[in-house]
Every structure is written in C-alpha cells, then in structure tokens.
Amino acid sequence: MLMDDYMKQTNTSDSRAADELGCSPECVRLWRKRKRVPRPDAMLKIETWSDGRVTAADFYGPGEQTEARVCDGVGAPSPG
C-alpha cells in the first residue's frame, strides 16, 4: 500500500506522521508523494508504524532505480 493511501485511510496528517516517525513533516510529504525514498532505517519505522501495510517495496514502481533521491528523515531532503 502506498504511504499516501495509508495516510488517507487512517486520516493521518503529515505533522502527526512526522511526530510518530521522528522526522520532519517535509520528509513525510516527500515520501507520501513519492518524491523521495526513505533511508532503510526510516523504511523500517514506516513499516512498523503502518502495521506492515506500507513496505519498502511500496516506494518503488516497476523498473524504478533504487538510487532515487532520499530524505534522511531528520530534516530537509538530502541532495540527489
């Protein structure tokens, strides 16, 4: 399930998700809109936070590169 879909289903705001995941609302927004890919440690947090409904595989579509721009989960996105 995409993070955006999960957040819509659970009526979760970017700010609330950021508080629960320990990151910035901007990173949540970028992850949710698939503009950035969470780092592996953040992906584990997201999977736990979503009770396994959002997984690392959900951030990659068919044929997408794994070298996508990442957001460190702490503050601003890292340069890609």
PDB file of N, CA and C in Angstrom:
ATOM      1  N   MET A   1       0.854  -1.174   0.000  1.00  0.00           N
ATOM      2  CA  MET A   1       0.000   0.000   0.000  1.00  0.00           C
ATOM      3  C   MET A   1       0.900   1.237   0.000  1.00  0.00           C
ATOM      4  N   LEU A   2       0.557   2.203  -0.805  1.00  0.00           N
ATOM      5  CA  LEU A   2       1.328   3.443  -0.829  1.00  0.00           C
ATOM      6  C   LEU A   2       1.127   4.221   0.474  1.00  0.00           C
ATOM      7  N   MET A   3       2.149   4.913   0.888  1.00  0.00           N
ATOM      8  CA  MET A   3       2.071   5.693   2.117  1.00  0.00           C
ATOM      9  C   MET A   3       0.945   6.719   2.050  1.00  0.00           C
ATOM     10  N   ASP A   4       0.762   7.337   0.900  1.00  0.00           N
ATOM     11  CA  ASP A   4      -0.305   8.318   0.729  1.00  0.00           C
ATOM     12  C   ASP A   4      -1.674   7.667   0.951  1.00  0.00           C
ATOM     13  N   ASP A   5      -1.872   6.489   0.389  1.00  0.00           N
ATOM     14  CA  ASP A   5      -3.141   5.778   0.570  1.00  0.00           C
ATOM     15  C   ASP A   5      -3.361   5.414   2.041  1.00  0.00           C
ATOM     16  N   TYR A   6      -2.311   4.933   2.687  1.00  0.00           N
ATOM     17  CA  TYR A   6      -2.409   4.572   4.103  1.00  0.00           C
ATOM     18  C   TYR A   6      -2.793   5.792   4.938  1.00  0.00           C
ATOM     19  N   MET A   7      -2.133   6.903   4.668  1.00  0.00           N
ATOM     20  CA  MET A   7      -2.403   8.113   5.450  1.00  0.00           C
ATOM     21  C   MET A   7      -3.814   8.626   5.202  1.00  0.00           C
ATOM     22  N   LYS A   8      -4.308   8.505   3.988  1.00  0.00           N
ATOM     23  CA  LYS A   8      -5.696   8.905   3.705  1.00  0.00           C
ATOM     24  C   LYS A   8      -6.673   7.988   4.431  1.00  0.00           C
ATOM     25  N   GLN A   9      -6.430   6.680   4.393  1.00  0.00           N
ATOM     26  CA  GLN A   9      -7.312   5.712   5.051  1.00  0.00           C
ATOM     27  C   GLN A   9      -7.375   5.932   6.552  1.00  0.00           C
ATOM     28  N   THR A  10      -6.250   6.296   7.134  1.00  0.00           N
ATOM     29  CA  THR A  10      -6.179   6.464   8.590  1.00  0.00           C
ATOM     30  C   THR A  10      -6.350   7.918   9.016  1.00  0.00           C
ATOM     31  N   ASN A  11      -6.613   8.793   8.047  1.00  0.00           N
ATOM     32  CA  ASN A  11      -6.818  10.216   8.329  1.00  0.00           C
ATOM     33  C   ASN A  11      -5.647  10.793   9.142  1.00  0.00           C
ATOM     34  N   THR A  12      -4.425  10.499   8.669  1.00  0.00           N
ATOM     35  CA  THR A  12      -3.209  10.933   9.350  1.00  0.00           C
ATOM     36  C   THR A  12      -2.582  12.099   8.594  1.00  0.00           C
ATOM     37  N   SER A  13      -2.315  13.181   9.312  1.00  0.00           N
ATOM     38  CA  SER A  13      -1.677  14.352   8.697  1.00  0.00           C
ATOM     39  C   SER A  13      -0.172  14.146   8.602  1.00  0.00           C
ATOM     40  N   ASP A  14       0.466  14.953   7.768  1.00  0.00           N
ATOM     41  CA  ASP A  14       1.930  14.911   7.657  1.00  0.00           C
ATOM     42  C   ASP A  14       2.573  15.203   9.014  1.00  0.00           C
ATOM     43  N   SER A  15       2.030  16.177   9.723  1.00  0.00           N
ATOM     44  CA  SER A  15       2.598  16.554  11.027  1.00  0.00           C
ATOM     45  C   SER A  15       2.489  15.423  12.041  1.00  0.00           C
ATOM     46  N   ARG A  16       1.339  14.786  12.073  1.00  0.00           N
ATOM     47  CA  ARG A  16       1.158  13.676  13.020  1.00  0.00           C
ATOM     48  C   ARG A  16       2.091  12.516  12.676  1.00  0.00           C
ATOM     49  N   ALA A  17       2.172  12.172  11.389  1.00  0.00           N
ATOM     50  CA  ALA A  17       3.070  11.096  10.974  1.00  0.00           C
ATOM     51  C   ALA A  17       4.515  11.444  11.313  1.00  0.00           C
ATOM     52  N   ALA A  18       4.893  12.690  11.081  1.00  0.00           N
ATOM     53  CA  ALA A  18       6.259  13.126  11.387  1.00  0.00           C
ATOM     54  C   ALA A  18       6.557  12.975  12.871  1.00  0.00           C
ATOM     55  N   ASP A  19       5.618  13.373  13.713  1.00  0.00           N
ATOM     56  CA  ASP A  19       5.810  13.223  15.165  1.00  0.00           C
ATOM     57  C   ASP A  19       5.975  11.753  15.538  1.00  0.00           C
ATOM     58  N   GLU A  20       5.140  10.906  14.962  1.00  0.00           N
ATOM     59  CA  GLU A  20       5.171   9.479  15.290  1.00  0.00           C
ATOM     60  C   GLU A  20       6.385   8.766  14.714  1.00  0.00           C
ATOM     61  N   LEU A  21       6.897   9.261  13.594  1.00  0.00           N
ATOM     62  CA  LEU A  21       8.055   8.632  12.948  1.00  0.00           C
ATOM     63  C   LEU A  21       9.378   9.272  13.346  1.00  0.00           C
ATOM     64  N   GLY A  22       9.321  10.433  14.000  1.00  0.00           N
ATOM     65  CA  GLY A  22      10.551  11.104  14.431  1.00  0.00           C
ATOM     66  C   GLY A  22      11.290  11.780  13.293  1.00  0.00           C
ATOM     67  N   CYS A  23      10.537  12.398  12.387  1.00  0.00           N
ATOM     68  CA  CYS A  23      11.154  13.085  11.259  1.00  0.00           C
ATOM     69  C   CYS A  23      10.420  14.397  11.019  1.00  0.00           C
ATOM     70  N   SER A  24      10.778  15.089   9.972  1.00  0.00           N
ATOM     71  CA  SER A  24      10.130  16.359   9.659  1.00  0.00           C
ATOM     72  C   SER A  24       8.869  16.129   8.822  1.00  0.00           C
ATOM     73  N   PRO A  25       7.877  17.018   8.939  1.00  0.00           N
ATOM     74  CA  PRO A  25       6.696  16.911   8.088  1.00  0.00           C
ATOM     75  C   PRO A  25       7.050  16.990   6.600  1.00  0.00           C
ATOM     76  N   GLU A  26       8.102  17.730   6.268  1.00  0.00           N
ATOM     77  CA  GLU A  26       8.517  17.832   4.871  1.00  0.00           C
ATOM     78  C   GLU A  26       8.968  16.473   4.334  1.00  0.00           C
ATOM     79  N   CYS A  27       9.697  15.709   5.136  1.00  0.00           N
ATOM     80  CA  CYS A  27      10.102  14.368   4.689  1.00  0.00           C
ATOM     81  C   CYS A  27       8.881  13.486   4.496  1.00  0.00           C
ATOM     82  N   VAL A  28       7.934  13.543   5.410  1.00  0.00           N
ATOM     83  CA  VAL A  28       6.716  12.746   5.263  1.00  0.00           C
ATOM     84  C   VAL A  28       6.012  13.120   3.960  1.00  0.00           C
ATOM     85  N   ARG A  29       5.883  14.411   3.693  1.00  0.00           N
ATOM     86  CA  ARG A  29       5.211  14.862   2.475  1.00  0.00           C
ATOM     87  C   ARG A  29       5.928  14.321   1.236  1.00  0.00           C
ATOM     88  N   LEU A  30       7.255  14.392   1.246  1.00  0.00           N
ATOM     89  CA  LEU A  30       8.025  13.913   0.095  1.00  0.00           C
ATOM     90  C   LEU A  30       7.919  12.401  -0.077  1.00  0.00           C
ATOM     91  N   TRP A  31       7.932  11.677   1.028  1.00  0.00           N
ATOM     92  CA  TRP A  31       7.761  10.223   0.959  1.00  0.00           C
ATOM     93  C   TRP A  31       6.368   9.886   0.455  1.00  0.00           C
ATOM     94  N   ARG A  32       5.359  10.559   1.002  1.00  0.00           N
ATOM     95  CA  ARG A  32       3.965  10.285   0.673  1.00  0.00           C
ATOM     96  C   ARG A  32       3.687  10.533  -0.804  1.00  0.00           C
ATOM     97  N   LYS A  33       4.297  11.577  -1.341  1.00  0.00           N
ATOM     98  CA  LYS A  33       4.094  11.932  -2.749  1.00  0.00           C
ATOM     99  C   LYS A  33       5.096  11.247  -3.673  1.00  0.00           C
ATOM    100  N   ARG A  34       5.927  10.364  -3.090  1.00  0.00           N
ATOM    101  CA  ARG A  34       6.918   9.581  -3.841  1.00  0.00           C
ATOM    102  C   ARG A  34       7.931  10.447  -4.577  1.00  0.00           C
ATOM    103  N   LYS A  35       8.263  11.574  -3.942  1.00  0.00           N
ATOM    104  CA  LYS A  35       9.295  12.463  -4.481  1.00  0.00           C
ATOM    105  C   LYS A  35      10.668  12.086  -3.933  1.00  0.00           C
ATOM    106  N   ARG A  36      10.670  11.420  -2.794  1.00  0.00           N
ATOM    107  CA  ARG A  36      11.899  10.951  -2.159  1.00  0.00           C
ATOM    108  C   ARG A  36      11.650   9.555  -1.602  1.00  0.00           C
ATOM    109  N   VAL A  37      12.736   8.815  -1.423  1.00  0.00           N
ATOM    110  CA  VAL A  37      12.676   7.469  -0.868  1.00  0.00           C
ATOM    111  C   VAL A  37      13.288   7.504   0.531  1.00  0.00           C
ATOM    112  N   PRO A  38      12.590   6.955   1.520  1.00  0.00           N
ATOM    113  CA  PRO A  38      13.166   6.931   2.871  1.00  0.00           C
ATOM    114  C   PRO A  38      14.427   6.073   2.922  1.00  0.00           C
ATOM    115  N   ARG A  39      15.318   6.451   3.795  1.00  0.00           N
ATOM    116  CA  ARG A  39      16.502   5.624   4.047  1.00  0.00           C
ATOM    117  C   ARG A  39      16.045   4.315   4.702  1.00  0.00           C
ATOM    118  N   PRO A  40      16.878   3.280   4.675  1.00  0.00           N
ATOM    119  CA  PRO A  40      16.467   1.980   5.220  1.00  0.00           C
ATOM    120  C   PRO A  40      15.963   2.027   6.664  1.00  0.00           C
ATOM    121  N   ASP A  41      16.595   2.809   7.528  1.00  0.00           N
ATOM    122  CA  ASP A  41      16.135   2.866   8.918  1.00  0.00           C
ATOM    123  C   ASP A  41      14.756   3.521   9.010  1.00  0.00           C
ATOM    124  N   ALA A  42      14.500   4.526   8.186  1.00  0.00           N
ATOM    125  CA  ALA A  42      13.184   5.169   8.167  1.00  0.00           C
ATOM    126  C   ALA A  42      12.141   4.231   7.567  1.00  0.00           C
ATOM    127  N   MET A  43      12.526   3.429   6.569  1.00  0.00           N
ATOM    128  CA  MET A  43      11.586   2.475   5.984  1.00  0.00           C
ATOM    129  C   MET A  43      11.125   1.463   7.030  1.00  0.00           C
ATOM    130  N   LEU A  44      12.052   1.025   7.870  1.00  0.00           N
ATOM    131  CA  LEU A  44      11.673   0.087   8.938  1.00  0.00           C
ATOM    132  C   LEU A  44      10.681   0.737   9.900  1.00  0.00           C
ATOM    133  N   LYS A  45      10.918   1.994  10.237  1.00  0.00           N
ATOM    134  CA  LYS A  45       9.987   2.714  11.112  1.00  0.00           C
ATOM    135  C   LYS A  45       8.614   2.833  10.457  1.00  0.00           C
ATOM    136  N   ILE A  46       8.586   3.152   9.168  1.00  0.00           N
ATOM    137  CA  ILE A  46       7.325   3.299   8.438  1.00  0.00           C
ATOM    138  C   ILE A  46       6.569   1.977   8.416  1.00  0.00           C
ATOM    139  N   GLU A  47       7.272   0.887   8.180  1.00  0.00           N
ATOM    140  CA  GLU A  47       6.621  -0.417   8.143  1.00  0.00           C
ATOM    141  C   GLU A  47       6.014  -0.764   9.500  1.00  0.00           C
ATOM    142  N   THR A  48       6.744  -0.515  10.567  1.00  0.00           N
ATOM    143  CA  THR A  48       6.233  -0.765  11.917  1.00  0.00           C
ATOM    144  C   THR A  48       5.063   0.157  12.226  1.00  0.00           C
ATOM    145  N   TRP A  49       5.222   1.439  11.935  1.00  0.00           N
ATOM    146  CA  TRP A  49       4.205   2.462  12.189  1.00  0.00           C
ATOM    147  C   TRP A  49       2.896   2.130  11.475  1.00  0.00           C
ATOM    148  N   SER A  50       2.985   1.573  10.275  1.00  0.00           N
ATOM    149  CA  SER A  50       1.793   1.270   9.472  1.00  0.00           C
ATOM    150  C   SER A  50       1.302  -0.171   9.675  1.00  0.00           C
ATOM    151  N   ASP A  51       1.810  -0.839  10.692  1.00  0.00           N
ATOM    152  CA  ASP A  51       1.445  -2.239  10.952  1.00  0.00           C
ATOM    153  C   ASP A  51       1.686  -3.121   9.734  1.00  0.00           C
ATOM    154  N   GLY A  52       2.767  -2.836   9.013  1.00  0.00           N
ATOM    155  CA  GLY A  52       3.173  -3.649   7.877  1.00  0.00           C
ATOM    156  C   GLY A  52       2.423  -3.373   6.589  1.00  0.00           C
ATOM    157  N   ARG A  53       1.560  -2.365   6.581  1.00  0.00           N
ATOM    158  CA  ARG A  53       0.785  -2.088   5.364  1.00  0.00           C
ATOM    159  C   ARG A  53       1.578  -1.277   4.344  1.00  0.00           C
ATOM    160  N   VAL A  54       2.572  -0.515   4.793  1.00  0.00           N
ATOM    161  CA  VAL A  54       3.455   0.225   3.889  1.00  0.00           C
ATOM    162  C   VAL A  54       4.838  -0.391   4.040  1.00  0.00           C
ATOM    163  N   THR A  55       5.385  -0.895   2.943  1.00  0.00           N
ATOM    164  CA  THR A  55       6.691  -1.556   2.988  1.00  0.00           C
ATOM    165  C   THR A  55       7.658  -0.864   2.030  1.00  0.00           C
ATOM    166  N   ALA A  56       8.909  -1.253   2.110  1.00  0.00           N
ATOM    167  CA  ALA A  56       9.935  -0.676   1.241  1.00  0.00           C
ATOM    168  C   ALA A  56       9.559  -0.836  -0.233  1.00  0.00           C
ATOM    169  N   ALA A  57       8.978  -1.957  -0.583  1.00  0.00           N
ATOM    170  CA  ALA A  57       8.600  -2.212  -1.976  1.00  0.00           C
ATOM    171  C   ALA A  57       7.585  -1.196  -2.487  1.00  0.00           C
ATOM    172  N   ASP A  58       6.815  -0.615  -1.586  1.00  0.00           N
ATOM    173  CA  ASP A  58       5.792   0.352  -1.994  1.00  0.00           C
ATOM    174  C   ASP A  58       6.371   1.684  -2.449  1.00  0.00           C
ATOM    175  N   PHE A  59       7.637   1.908  -2.199  1.00  0.00           N
ATOM    176  CA  PHE A  59       8.269   3.161  -2.612  1.00  0.00           C
ATOM    177  C   PHE A  59       8.891   3.063  -3.999  1.00  0.00           C
ATOM    178  N   TYR A  60       8.871   1.870  -4.589  1.00  0.00           N
ATOM    179  CA  TYR A  60       9.448   1.667  -5.905  1.00  0.00           C
ATOM    180  C   TYR A  60       8.415   1.087  -6.841  1.00  0.00           C
ATOM    181  N   GLY A  61       8.259   1.703  -7.987  1.00  0.00           N
ATOM    182  CA  GLY A  61       7.375   1.161  -9.008  1.00  0.00           C
ATOM    183  C   GLY A  61       8.162   0.224  -9.903  1.00  0.00           C
ATOM    184  N   PRO A  62       7.493  -0.437 -10.810  1.00  0.00           N
ATOM    185  CA  PRO A  62       8.197  -1.336 -11.730  1.00  0.00           C
ATOM    186  C   PRO A  62       9.284  -0.600 -12.508  1.00  0.00           C
ATOM    187  N   GLY A  63      10.492  -1.130 -12.453  1.00  0.00           N
ATOM    188  CA  GLY A  63      11.586  -0.575 -13.230  1.00  0.00           C
ATOM    189  C   GLY A  63      12.236   0.665 -12.652  1.00  0.00           C
ATOM    190  N   GLU A  64      11.810   1.122 -11.469  1.00  0.00           N
ATOM    191  CA  GLU A  64      12.420   2.326 -10.899  1.00  0.00           C
ATOM    192  C   GLU A  64      13.793   2.006 -10.336  1.00  0.00           C
ATOM    193  N   GLN A  65      14.660   2.968 -10.428  1.00  0.00           N
ATOM    194  CA  GLN A  65      16.011   2.847  -9.886  1.00  0.00           C
ATOM    195  C   GLN A  65      15.969   2.931  -8.371  1.00  0.00           C
ATOM    196  N   THR A  66      16.840   2.196  -7.696  1.00  0.00           N
ATOM    197  CA  THR A  66      16.907   2.288  -6.241  1.00  0.00           C
ATOM    198  C   THR A  66      17.764   3.460  -5.805  1.00  0.00           C
ATOM    199  N   GLU A  67      18.373   4.154  -6.741  1.00  0.00           N
ATOM    200  CA  GLU A  67      19.205   5.302  -6.402  1.00  0.00           C
ATOM    201  C   GLU A  67      18.394   6.591  -6.433  1.00  0.00           C
ATOM    202  N   ALA A  68      17.132   6.501  -6.112  1.00  0.00           N
ATOM    203  CA  ALA A  68      16.272   7.685  -6.080  1.00  0.00           C
ATOM    204  C   ALA A  68      16.741   8.629  -4.984  1.00  0.00           C
ATOM    205  N   ARG A  69      16.327   9.862  -5.096  1.00  0.00           N
ATOM    206  CA  ARG A  69      16.682  10.834  -4.079  1.00  0.00           C
ATOM    207  C   ARG A  69      16.097  10.393  -2.745  1.00  0.00           C
ATOM    208  N   VAL A  70      16.886  10.536  -1.702  1.00  0.00           N
ATOM    209  CA  VAL A  70      16.443  10.093  -0.387  1.00  0.00           C
ATOM    210  C   VAL A  70      16.212  11.285   0.518  1.00  0.00           C
ATOM    211  N   CYS A  71      15.405  11.080   1.532  1.00  0.00           N
ATOM    212  CA  CYS A  71      15.194  12.067   2.569  1.00  0.00           C
ATOM    213  C   CYS A  71      15.659  11.396   3.837  1.00  0.00           C
ATOM    214  N   ASP A  72      16.544  12.050   4.575  1.00  0.00           N
ATOM    215  CA  ASP A  72      17.159  11.392   5.722  1.00  0.00           C
ATOM    216  C   ASP A  72      16.213  11.200   6.895  1.00  0.00           C
ATOM    217  N   GLY A  73      15.016  11.744   6.825  1.00  0.00           N
ATOM    218  CA  GLY A  73      14.046  11.529   7.875  1.00  0.00           C
ATOM    219  C   GLY A  73      14.211  12.453   9.047  1.00  0.00           C
ATOM    220  N   VAL A  74      15.243  13.280   9.029  1.00  0.00           N
ATOM    221  CA  VAL A  74      15.503  14.168  10.141  1.00  0.00           C
ATOM    222  C   VAL A  74      15.107  15.592   9.811  1.00  0.00           C
ATOM    223  N   GLY A  75      15.552  16.070   8.698  1.00  0.00           N
ATOM    224  CA  GLY A  75      15.276  17.455   8.342  1.00  0.00           C
ATOM    225  C   GLY A  75      14.975  17.569   6.875  1.00  0.00           C
ATOM    226  N   ALA A  76      15.707  18.409   6.223  1.00  0.00           N
ATOM    227  CA  ALA A  76      15.488  18.651   4.796  1.00  0.00           C
ATOM    228  C   ALA A  76      15.979  17.473   3.973  1.00  0.00           C
ATOM    229  N   PRO A  77      15.431  17.303   2.796  1.00  0.00           N
ATOM    230  CA  PRO A  77      15.885  16.226   1.919  1.00  0.00           C
ATOM    231  C   PRO A  77      17.355  16.380   1.572  1.00  0.00           C
ATOM    232  N   SER A  78      18.026  15.248   1.436  1.00  0.00           N
ATOM    233  CA  SER A  78      19.419  15.303   1.013  1.00  0.00           C
ATOM    234  C   SER A  78      19.470  15.549  -0.482  1.00  0.00           C
ATOM    235  N   PRO A  79      20.521  16.212  -0.964  1.00  0.00           N
ATOM    236  CA  PRO A  79      20.607  16.485  -2.407  1.00  0.00           C
ATOM    237  C   PRO A  79      20.715  15.181  -3.174  1.00  0.00           C
ATOM    238  N   GLY A  80      20.107  15.162  -4.340  1.00  0.00           N
ATOM    239  CA  GLY A  80      20.099  13.930  -5.127  1.00  0.00           C
ATOM    240  C   GLY A  80      21.041  14.036  -6.229  1.00  0.00           C
TER     241      GLY A  80
END
